[in-house]
Protein backbone atom coordinates (compact mmCIF):
# COMPACT_ATOMS: atom_id res chain seq x y z
CA LEU A 1 0.00 0.00 0.00
CA GLU A 2 2.87 2.37 0.76
CA ALA A 3 4.25 1.93 -2.76
CA CYS A 4 0.76 2.44 -4.24
CA VAL A 5 0.32 5.72 -2.35
CA TRP A 6 3.80 6.89 -3.36
CA LEU A 7 3.10 6.06 -7.01
CA GLU A 8 -0.28 7.83 -6.93
CA GLU A 9 1.11 10.99 -5.33
CA ASN A 10 4.00 11.21 -7.80
CA LEU A 11 1.84 10.55 -10.87
CA LYS A 12 -0.45 13.39 -9.77
CA LYS A 13 2.54 15.70 -10.29
CA PHE A 14 3.69 14.06 -13.55
CA ASP A 15 3.51 16.84 -16.17
CA ARG A 16 3.37 14.64 -19.28
CA ILE A 17 0.66 12.58 -20.93
CA LEU A 18 -0.11 9.49 -18.87
CA VAL A 19 -2.19 6.52 -20.04
CA VAL A 20 -3.20 4.12 -17.26
CA VAL A 21 -4.91 0.74 -17.36
CA SER A 22 -5.92 -0.26 -13.84
CA HIS A 23 -8.56 -2.19 -11.91
CA SER A 24 -8.05 -0.01 -8.82
CA GLN A 25 -10.91 2.48 -8.67
CA ASP A 26 -9.27 4.38 -5.82
CA PHE A 27 -6.06 4.77 -7.85
CA LEU A 28 -7.96 5.93 -10.95
CA ASN A 29 -9.84 8.49 -8.87
CA GLY A 30 -6.59 9.85 -7.52
CA VAL A 31 -4.62 10.04 -10.78
CA CYS A 32 -6.93 10.38 -13.79
CA THR A 33 -8.46 13.55 -15.25
CA ASN A 34 -10.17 11.74 -18.15
CA ILE A 35 -11.59 8.25 -18.67
CA ILE A 36 -11.82 6.44 -22.03
CA HIS A 37 -14.61 3.87 -22.12
CA MET A 38 -14.19 1.01 -24.61
CA GLN A 39 -17.43 -0.67 -25.75
CA ASN A 40 -18.63 -2.28 -28.98
CA LYS A 41 -15.33 -1.44 -30.73
CA LYS A 42 -15.84 2.24 -29.96
CA LEU A 43 -14.02 4.68 -27.67
CA LYS A 44 -15.81 7.40 -25.74
CA LEU A 45 -14.02 10.09 -23.74
CA TYR A 46 -15.36 11.28 -20.39
CA THR A 47 -14.00 14.23 -18.40
CA GLY A 48 -13.17 13.69 -14.74
CA ASN A 49 -11.95 10.82 -12.58
CA TYR A 50 -13.54 7.37 -12.35
CA ASP A 51 -16.35 8.30 -9.96
CA GLN A 52 -17.30 11.25 -12.17
CA TYR A 53 -17.21 8.98 -15.22
CA VAL A 54 -19.62 6.54 -13.56
CA GLN A 55 -22.05 9.33 -12.67
CA THR A 56 -21.86 11.02 -16.09
CA ARG A 57 -22.24 7.75 -17.97
CA SER A 58 -25.24 6.77 -15.86
CA GLU A 59 -26.96 10.11 -16.57
CA LEU A 60 -26.22 9.91 -20.30
CA GLU A 61 -27.49 6.34 -20.54
CA GLU A 62 -30.66 7.26 -18.67
CA ASN A 63 -31.35 10.08 -21.15
CA GLN A 64 -30.44 7.80 -24.07
CA MET A 65 -32.90 5.17 -22.84
CA LYS A 66 -35.68 7.76 -22.54
CA GLN A 67 -34.99 8.92 -26.12
CA TYR A 68 -34.92 5.30 -27.35
CA LYS A 69 -38.28 4.51 -25.73
CA TRP A 70 -39.87 7.69 -27.14
CA GLU A 71 -38.63 6.86 -30.66
CA GLN A 72 -39.87 3.28 -30.41
CA GLU A 73 -43.30 4.49 -29.29
CA GLN A 74 -43.45 6.93 -32.22
CA ILE A 75 -42.37 4.23 -34.69
CA ALA A 76 -44.95 1.75 -33.35
CA SER A 77 -47.70 4.38 -33.54
CA MET A 78 -46.83 5.37 -37.13
CA LYS A 79 -46.57 1.75 -38.29
CA GLU A 80 -49.96 0.98 -36.76
CA TYR A 81 -51.51 4.02 -38.51
CA ILE A 82 -49.94 3.07 -41.86
CA ALA A 83 -51.20 -0.52 -41.54
CA ARG A 84 -54.75 0.59 -40.65
CA PHE A 85 -55.28 3.50 -43.05
CA GLY A 86 -52.75 3.00 -45.85
CA HIS A 87 -55.45 1.58 -48.10
CA GLY A 88 -58.40 3.61 -46.83
CA SER A 89 -59.90 6.83 -48.20
CA ALA A 90 -57.75 9.20 -50.20
CA LYS A 91 -57.38 11.58 -47.25
CA LEU A 92 -56.36 8.84 -44.82
CA ALA A 93 -54.06 7.28 -47.42
CA ARG A 94 -52.25 10.62 -47.86
CA GLN A 95 -51.81 10.92 -44.10
CA ALA A 96 -50.48 7.36 -43.98
CA GLN A 97 -48.00 8.15 -46.78
CA SER A 98 -46.89 11.26 -44.86
CA LYS A 99 -46.22 9.18 -41.76
CA GLU A 100 -44.37 6.62 -43.89
CA LYS A 101 -42.06 9.39 -45.16
CA THR A 102 -41.54 10.67 -41.61
CA LEU A 103 -40.65 7.15 -40.50
CA ALA A 104 -38.18 6.70 -43.38
CA LYS A 105 -36.57 10.06 -42.54
CA MET A 106 -36.15 9.03 -38.90
CA GLU A 107 -34.49 5.77 -39.92
CA ARG A 108 -32.16 7.52 -42.40
CA GLY A 109 -31.15 10.04 -39.75
CA GLY A 110 -30.15 7.26 -37.40
CA LEU A 111 -32.22 5.97 -34.54
CA THR A 112 -31.08 6.03 -30.94
CA GLU A 113 -29.48 2.74 -29.92
CA LYS A 114 -30.87 0.78 -27.01
CA VAL A 115 -28.64 0.97 -23.94
CA VAL A 116 -26.89 -2.35 -23.31
CA ARG A 117 -26.10 -2.58 -19.62
CA ASP A 118 -22.80 -4.08 -18.51
CA LYS A 119 -23.17 -7.67 -17.38
CA VAL A 120 -23.16 -7.80 -13.60
CA LEU A 121 -21.51 -10.84 -12.03
CA VAL A 122 -22.94 -12.10 -8.76
CA PHE A 123 -20.74 -14.00 -6.30
CA ARG A 124 -22.34 -16.09 -3.57
CA PHE A 125 -20.74 -17.71 -0.52
CA VAL A 126 -22.82 -20.25 1.38
CA ASP A 127 -23.69 -19.24 4.94
CA VAL A 128 -22.30 -21.80 7.38
CA GLY A 129 -23.76 -20.81 10.75
CA LYS A 130 -21.86 -19.92 13.89
CA LEU A 131 -19.19 -21.55 16.02
CA PRO A 132 -18.76 -20.50 19.66
CA PRO A 133 -15.76 -18.17 20.10
CA PRO A 134 -12.85 -18.18 20.12
CA VAL A 135 -12.48 -19.98 16.79
CA LEU A 136 -8.84 -18.95 16.23
CA GLN A 137 -6.53 -17.73 18.98
CA PHE A 138 -2.86 -16.73 19.02
CA VAL A 139 -1.24 -17.20 22.43
CA GLU A 140 2.16 -15.50 22.84
CA VAL A 141 3.14 -16.55 19.29
CA THR A 142 6.69 -15.89 18.15
CA PHE A 143 7.82 -16.73 14.62
CA GLY A 144 10.79 -16.27 12.34
CA TYR A 145 12.24 -18.28 9.50
CA THR A 146 15.41 -18.35 11.60
CA PRO A 147 15.66 -17.72 15.36
CA GLU A 148 17.95 -14.76 14.66
CA ASN A 149 15.48 -13.08 12.29
CA LEU A 150 12.10 -12.89 14.02
CA ILE A 151 9.12 -11.61 12.05
CA TYR A 152 6.63 -11.71 14.94
CA LYS A 153 7.14 -11.71 18.70
CA ASN A 154 4.58 -12.49 21.40
CA LEU A 155 1.44 -12.14 19.25
CA ASP A 156 -1.69 -12.38 21.38
CA PHE A 157 -5.10 -11.99 19.68
CA GLY A 158 -8.24 -13.81 18.59
CA VAL A 159 -10.24 -14.07 15.36
CA ASP A 160 -13.94 -14.95 15.39
CA LEU A 161 -16.65 -15.44 12.78
CA ASP A 162 -17.74 -11.81 13.04
CA SER A 163 -14.17 -10.56 12.44
CA ARG A 164 -13.56 -8.48 9.30
CA ILE A 165 -9.84 -7.70 9.36
CA ALA A 166 -7.51 -6.16 6.78
CA LEU A 167 -3.76 -6.66 7.26
CA VAL A 168 -1.62 -3.76 6.07
CA GLY A 169 2.03 -2.83 6.40
CA PRO A 170 5.33 -2.62 4.53
CA ASN A 171 6.40 -5.30 2.09
CA GLY A 172 8.25 -8.05 3.90
CA ALA A 173 6.60 -7.25 7.23
CA GLY A 174 4.93 -10.67 7.30
CA LYS A 175 1.29 -10.27 6.24
CA SER A 176 1.26 -13.48 4.18
CA THR A 177 3.31 -15.17 6.90
CA LEU A 178 0.59 -14.34 9.43
CA LEU A 179 -2.04 -15.98 7.20
CA LYS A 180 0.12 -19.12 6.99
CA LEU A 181 0.37 -19.20 10.78
CA MET A 182 -3.44 -19.03 10.93
CA THR A 183 -3.86 -22.00 8.58
CA GLY A 184 -1.14 -24.07 10.25
CA GLU A 185 1.08 -24.07 7.17
CA LEU A 186 3.74 -22.51 9.41
CA THR A 187 4.42 -23.43 13.04
CA PRO A 188 5.41 -20.89 15.71
CA ILE A 189 8.87 -20.99 17.25
CA ASP A 190 7.21 -20.24 20.57
CA GLY A 191 3.63 -19.97 21.78
CA MET A 192 0.64 -21.67 20.17
CA VAL A 193 -2.20 -21.14 17.71
CA ARG A 194 -5.49 -22.63 18.92
CA ARG A 195 -8.20 -23.51 16.39
CA HIS A 196 -11.76 -24.63 17.09
CA ASN A 197 -12.09 -28.36 16.43
CA HIS A 198 -14.79 -27.79 13.79
CA LEU A 199 -13.24 -24.70 12.19
CA ARG A 200 -12.92 -24.82 8.39
CA ILE A 201 -10.44 -22.33 6.89
CA ALA A 202 -10.08 -21.53 3.18
CA GLN A 203 -7.21 -19.42 1.88
CA PHE A 204 -7.02 -17.62 -1.48
CA HIS A 205 -3.60 -16.76 -2.89
CA GLN A 206 -2.26 -16.29 -6.40
CA HIS A 207 -0.20 -19.50 -6.35
CA LEU A 208 -3.44 -21.51 -6.38
CA ALA A 209 -3.83 -20.68 -10.07
CA GLU A 210 -0.52 -22.44 -10.75
CA LYS A 211 -2.01 -25.66 -9.36
CA LEU A 212 -4.92 -25.70 -11.81
CA ASP A 213 -4.73 -28.35 -14.54
CA MET A 214 -5.00 -26.17 -17.63
CA GLU A 215 -6.06 -29.10 -19.82
CA MET A 216 -9.12 -29.72 -17.65
CA SER A 217 -12.32 -27.71 -17.68
CA ALA A 218 -13.59 -25.95 -14.56
CA LEU A 219 -16.34 -28.58 -14.31
CA GLN A 220 -13.88 -31.49 -14.60
CA TYR A 221 -11.63 -29.87 -12.00
CA MET A 222 -14.45 -29.45 -9.48
CA ILE A 223 -15.66 -33.04 -10.00
CA ARG A 224 -12.10 -34.30 -9.46
CA GLU A 225 -11.58 -32.19 -6.33
CA TYR A 226 -14.96 -33.09 -4.81
CA PRO A 227 -15.74 -36.67 -5.94
CA GLY A 228 -19.15 -38.15 -5.29
CA ASN A 229 -21.09 -35.00 -6.15
CA GLU A 230 -23.50 -34.81 -9.06
CA GLU A 231 -22.49 -32.84 -12.14
CA GLU A 232 -25.48 -30.53 -11.79
CA LYS A 233 -24.41 -29.61 -8.27
CA MET A 234 -20.90 -28.80 -9.48
CA ARG A 235 -22.29 -26.66 -12.30
CA GLY A 236 -24.31 -24.72 -9.74
CA ALA A 237 -21.27 -24.22 -7.52
CA ILE A 238 -19.24 -22.78 -10.42
CA GLY A 239 -22.18 -20.69 -11.61
CA LYS A 240 -22.29 -18.90 -8.25
CA PHE A 241 -19.08 -17.18 -9.30
CA GLY A 242 -20.07 -16.03 -12.76
CA LEU A 243 -18.95 -18.95 -14.93
CA SER A 244 -21.70 -20.57 -16.97
CA GLY A 245 -22.34 -22.36 -20.24
CA LYS A 246 -19.28 -23.01 -22.40
CA ALA A 247 -16.93 -21.38 -19.89
CA GLN A 248 -17.57 -24.30 -17.52
CA VAL A 249 -16.58 -27.00 -20.01
CA MET A 250 -13.76 -25.47 -22.05
CA PRO A 251 -10.12 -26.17 -21.07
CA MET A 252 -8.99 -23.71 -18.41
CA LYS A 253 -6.03 -22.73 -20.60
CA ASN A 254 -8.61 -20.91 -22.74
CA LEU A 255 -10.03 -18.96 -19.80
CA SER A 256 -8.84 -15.50 -18.82
CA ASP A 257 -6.88 -14.98 -15.60
CA GLY A 258 -10.00 -13.45 -14.07
CA GLN A 259 -12.11 -16.48 -14.99
CA ARG A 260 -9.50 -18.80 -13.45
CA SER A 261 -9.66 -16.73 -10.27
CA ARG A 262 -13.40 -17.36 -10.21
CA VAL A 263 -12.79 -21.11 -10.54
CA ILE A 264 -10.57 -20.88 -7.46
CA PHE A 265 -13.25 -18.96 -5.55
CA ALA A 266 -15.80 -21.64 -6.51
CA TRP A 267 -13.39 -24.34 -5.31
CA LEU A 268 -12.83 -22.56 -1.99
CA ALA A 269 -16.50 -21.74 -1.43
CA PHE A 270 -17.61 -25.35 -1.98
CA ARG A 271 -15.65 -26.25 1.16
CA GLN A 272 -18.10 -24.03 3.09
CA PRO A 273 -15.39 -22.37 5.20
CA HIS A 274 -16.11 -20.56 8.45
CA LEU A 275 -13.07 -18.32 7.91
CA LEU A 276 -11.77 -16.89 4.62
CA LEU A 277 -8.16 -15.73 4.30
CA LEU A 278 -7.75 -13.69 1.12
CA ASP A 279 -4.23 -12.78 -0.01
CA GLU A 280 -4.39 -10.27 -2.91
CA PRO A 281 -7.66 -11.65 -4.36
CA THR A 282 -8.20 -8.81 -6.86
CA ASN A 283 -5.09 -9.08 -9.05
CA HIS A 284 -7.04 -10.46 -12.04
CA LEU A 285 -10.50 -9.05 -11.30
CA ASP A 286 -11.99 -5.98 -12.98
CA ILE A 287 -13.71 -3.21 -11.02
CA GLU A 288 -17.23 -4.59 -11.45
CA THR A 289 -16.14 -8.08 -10.36
CA ILE A 290 -14.34 -6.64 -7.31
CA ASP A 291 -17.60 -4.93 -6.35
CA SER A 292 -19.44 -8.25 -6.71
CA LEU A 293 -16.85 -9.94 -4.49
CA ALA A 294 -17.22 -7.20 -1.86
CA GLU A 295 -21.01 -7.51 -1.90
CA ALA A 296 -20.83 -11.29 -1.50
CA LEU A 297 -18.39 -11.01 1.41
CA ASN A 298 -20.63 -8.47 3.15
CA GLU A 299 -23.66 -10.76 2.83
CA TRP A 300 -21.74 -13.83 4.06
CA ASP A 301 -21.84 -14.77 7.75
CA GLY A 302 -18.26 -16.04 8.15
CA GLY A 303 -15.01 -14.42 9.30
CA LEU A 304 -12.60 -12.63 6.97
CA VAL A 305 -8.90 -11.74 7.04
CA LEU A 306 -7.81 -9.78 3.97
CA VAL A 307 -4.46 -8.74 2.49
CA SER A 308 -4.93 -6.37 -0.44
CA HIS A 309 -3.44 -3.30 -2.13
CA ASP A 310 -6.95 -2.20 -3.17
CA PHE A 311 -7.99 0.59 -0.81
CA ARG A 312 -11.56 0.54 -2.07
CA LEU A 313 -12.08 -3.18 -1.42
CA ILE A 314 -10.63 -2.81 2.07
CA ASN A 315 -12.95 0.14 2.69
CA GLN A 316 -15.94 -1.91 1.50
CA VAL A 317 -15.40 -5.04 3.62
CA ALA A 318 -12.98 -4.42 6.52
CA GLU A 319 -14.12 -3.34 9.97
CA GLU A 320 -10.65 -3.52 11.53
CA ILE A 321 -7.24 -2.50 10.17
CA TRP A 322 -4.21 -4.29 11.61
CA VAL A 323 -0.75 -2.88 10.86
CA CYS A 324 1.96 -5.54 10.56
CA GLU A 325 5.38 -4.10 11.37
CA ASN A 326 8.07 -4.14 14.04
CA GLN A 327 7.37 -7.80 14.90
CA ALA A 328 3.76 -7.02 15.84
CA ALA A 329 0.21 -6.82 14.46
CA THR A 330 -1.34 -3.67 15.92
CA ARG A 331 -4.90 -2.43 15.46
CA TRP A 332 -5.09 0.92 13.63
CA GLU A 333 -7.46 3.38 15.29
CA GLY A 334 -9.32 4.53 12.20
CA ASP A 335 -10.46 3.26 8.81
CA ILE A 336 -8.37 2.48 5.73
CA MET A 337 -8.75 5.98 4.29
CA ASP A 338 -7.29 7.41 7.51
CA PHE A 339 -4.41 4.98 7.07
CA LYS A 340 -3.97 6.10 3.46
CA GLN A 341 -3.75 9.71 4.60
CA HIS A 342 -1.10 8.62 7.10
CA LEU A 343 0.88 7.01 4.26
CA LYS A 344 0.56 10.19 2.17
CA SER A 345 2.02 12.25 5.00
CA LYS A 346 4.76 9.70 5.46
CA ALA A 347 5.60 9.70 1.73
CA ALA A 348 5.69 13.51 1.63
CA SER A 349 8.27 13.62 4.41
CA SER A 350 10.40 10.74 3.13
CA ARG A 351 13.45 10.98 0.92
CA TYR A 352 14.03 8.66 -2.01
CA LEU A 353 17.05 6.84 -3.30
CA VAL A 354 17.38 7.16 -7.07
CA PHE A 355 19.47 4.86 -9.26
CA LEU A 356 20.09 5.33 -12.96
CA GLN A 357 21.64 2.76 -15.27
CA SER A 358 22.24 3.23 -18.99
CA ARG A 359 21.92 0.53 -21.61
CA GLY A 360 22.42 1.93 -25.09
CA ASN A 361 20.01 4.79 -25.60
CA GLU A 362 17.71 3.55 -22.86
CA GLU A 363 17.82 4.79 -19.30
CA ARG A 364 16.59 2.70 -16.40
CA LEU A 365 15.47 4.55 -13.30
CA CYS A 366 14.61 3.15 -9.89
CA TYR A 367 13.03 5.04 -7.01
CA CYS A 368 13.21 3.33 -3.66
CA LEU A 369 11.36 4.45 -0.54
CA LYS A 370 13.64 5.22 2.38
CA PRO A 371 14.06 3.44 4.72
CA SER A 372 14.25 0.35 2.55
CA SER A 373 15.70 -3.11 2.28
CA PHE A 374 16.23 -5.69 -0.42
CA ARG A 375 12.74 -7.03 0.26
CA ASP A 376 11.02 -3.70 -0.38
CA LEU A 377 9.25 -3.14 -3.65
CA CYS A 378 10.54 -0.30 -5.78
CA LEU A 379 8.97 1.73 -8.52
CA VAL A 380 10.87 1.14 -11.73
CA GLY A 381 10.49 3.33 -14.77
CA PHE A 382 11.85 2.42 -18.17
CA ALA A 383 12.60 5.62 -20.01
CA LYS A 384 14.26 6.94 -23.11
CA GLN A 385 16.02 10.27 -22.87
CA ALA A 386 14.86 12.74 -25.52
CA PHE A 387 15.13 16.52 -25.72
CA GLY A 388 16.44 16.66 -22.18
CA ALA A 389 13.35 15.03 -20.70
CA PHE A 390 12.38 11.49 -19.75
CA CYS A 391 9.43 10.03 -21.66
CA PHE A 392 8.16 7.08 -19.65
CA SER A 393 7.26 4.11 -21.79
CA ASN A 394 6.40 1.70 -19.00
CA LEU A 395 5.90 1.63 -15.26
CA GLY A 396 5.93 -1.36 -12.97
CA LEU A 397 6.78 -2.74 -9.56
CA LEU A 398 9.87 -4.90 -9.29
CA SER A 399 11.95 -6.28 -6.47
CA PRO A 400 15.53 -4.98 -6.08
CA ARG A 401 16.61 -8.62 -5.86
CA GLY A 402 15.33 -9.19 -9.38
CA TRP A 403 17.14 -9.17 -12.71
CA PHE A 404 17.44 -5.40 -12.80
CA PHE A 405 19.58 -4.78 -9.73
CA GLY A 406 20.86 -8.25 -8.92
CA ASP A 407 22.79 -8.45 -5.67
CA ALA A 408 25.39 -5.87 -6.69
CA TYR A 409 23.39 -2.98 -5.21
CA ASN A 410 23.44 -2.97 -1.45
CA ILE A 411 20.54 -0.66 -0.60
CA LYS A 412 20.65 0.44 3.03
């Protein structure tokens, strides 16, 4: 989240043309001054940020639909008159011919198109009832991948079925590690994690997509994972997450990343978990699908622990914000937008380390938040120098341990 805020604040001040493709509505609201909507092989430009685009588009479509209905009523009335009186008396026939000419003129001038609403996906998680608390309890938990490098020390908290928690904090602080401690994938060095005997936990993370058999269909995969269930039941389970018809039976290699994510959600939901642990669930979901996910989570009666860089999703579903840093998980007194404002203030007062490496006529720039470490994410811009200015051709987030820096750069 810190890197997202830093990127947003710096792009606001970027004095060149910027074209952004993003599924983060909060980011688009902060950065964009215009929105281009792509539909039916056409582009339409709207002025304003994403929220303003949604409002303007809704108003325009409402007016368009009113015009369409009025035209259709006029056309139906004229056609009925022509059919009834086209062969009547001379006077009525002339009036019918006049209406026929009016109708032809309307059609030549172009009729208003009917508004085609965006398809709305509906997610549904099955309610599973309640378990008596505490369902998950950390008792003086200490963990590190080595005893000399502790990530958490003396964690003491509980998670229940009415918990709606978002984990935030710097990269490498241990948010995903905390989820693994909850599931039992990792074991504490000291202390214990107590789980209710009947507690069912389901965890979403991006590596689950790598375990899908791309030659199988979503339906075949679900039948294999949950043997003994009827095909119709499996179809219904997949359909709850927006996959229907041919999308259920085609090889998953032909599905989009977003559709594969929905297969994973269907697989997790069929287990009827009491507690959902979601680690970056929105990476391949568009804005409308993210909204559907948020709505489904809010209607569901289970517990939720979320790790996400999407401020809007966190704001929609989280009731508690826990900050993971300094070997602790501490509750933030405020909502996620308060935390974002805190990060903005922090970014404004921070200094940045800048590295520049040349390769031919291409310059590679890296901005790293200070303080930083090898595990921090950095903003990397690939630029070509022209006329004394940098024209950014691509922006992305990379790790300093990756191919760009290698281990030669010791960032302190």
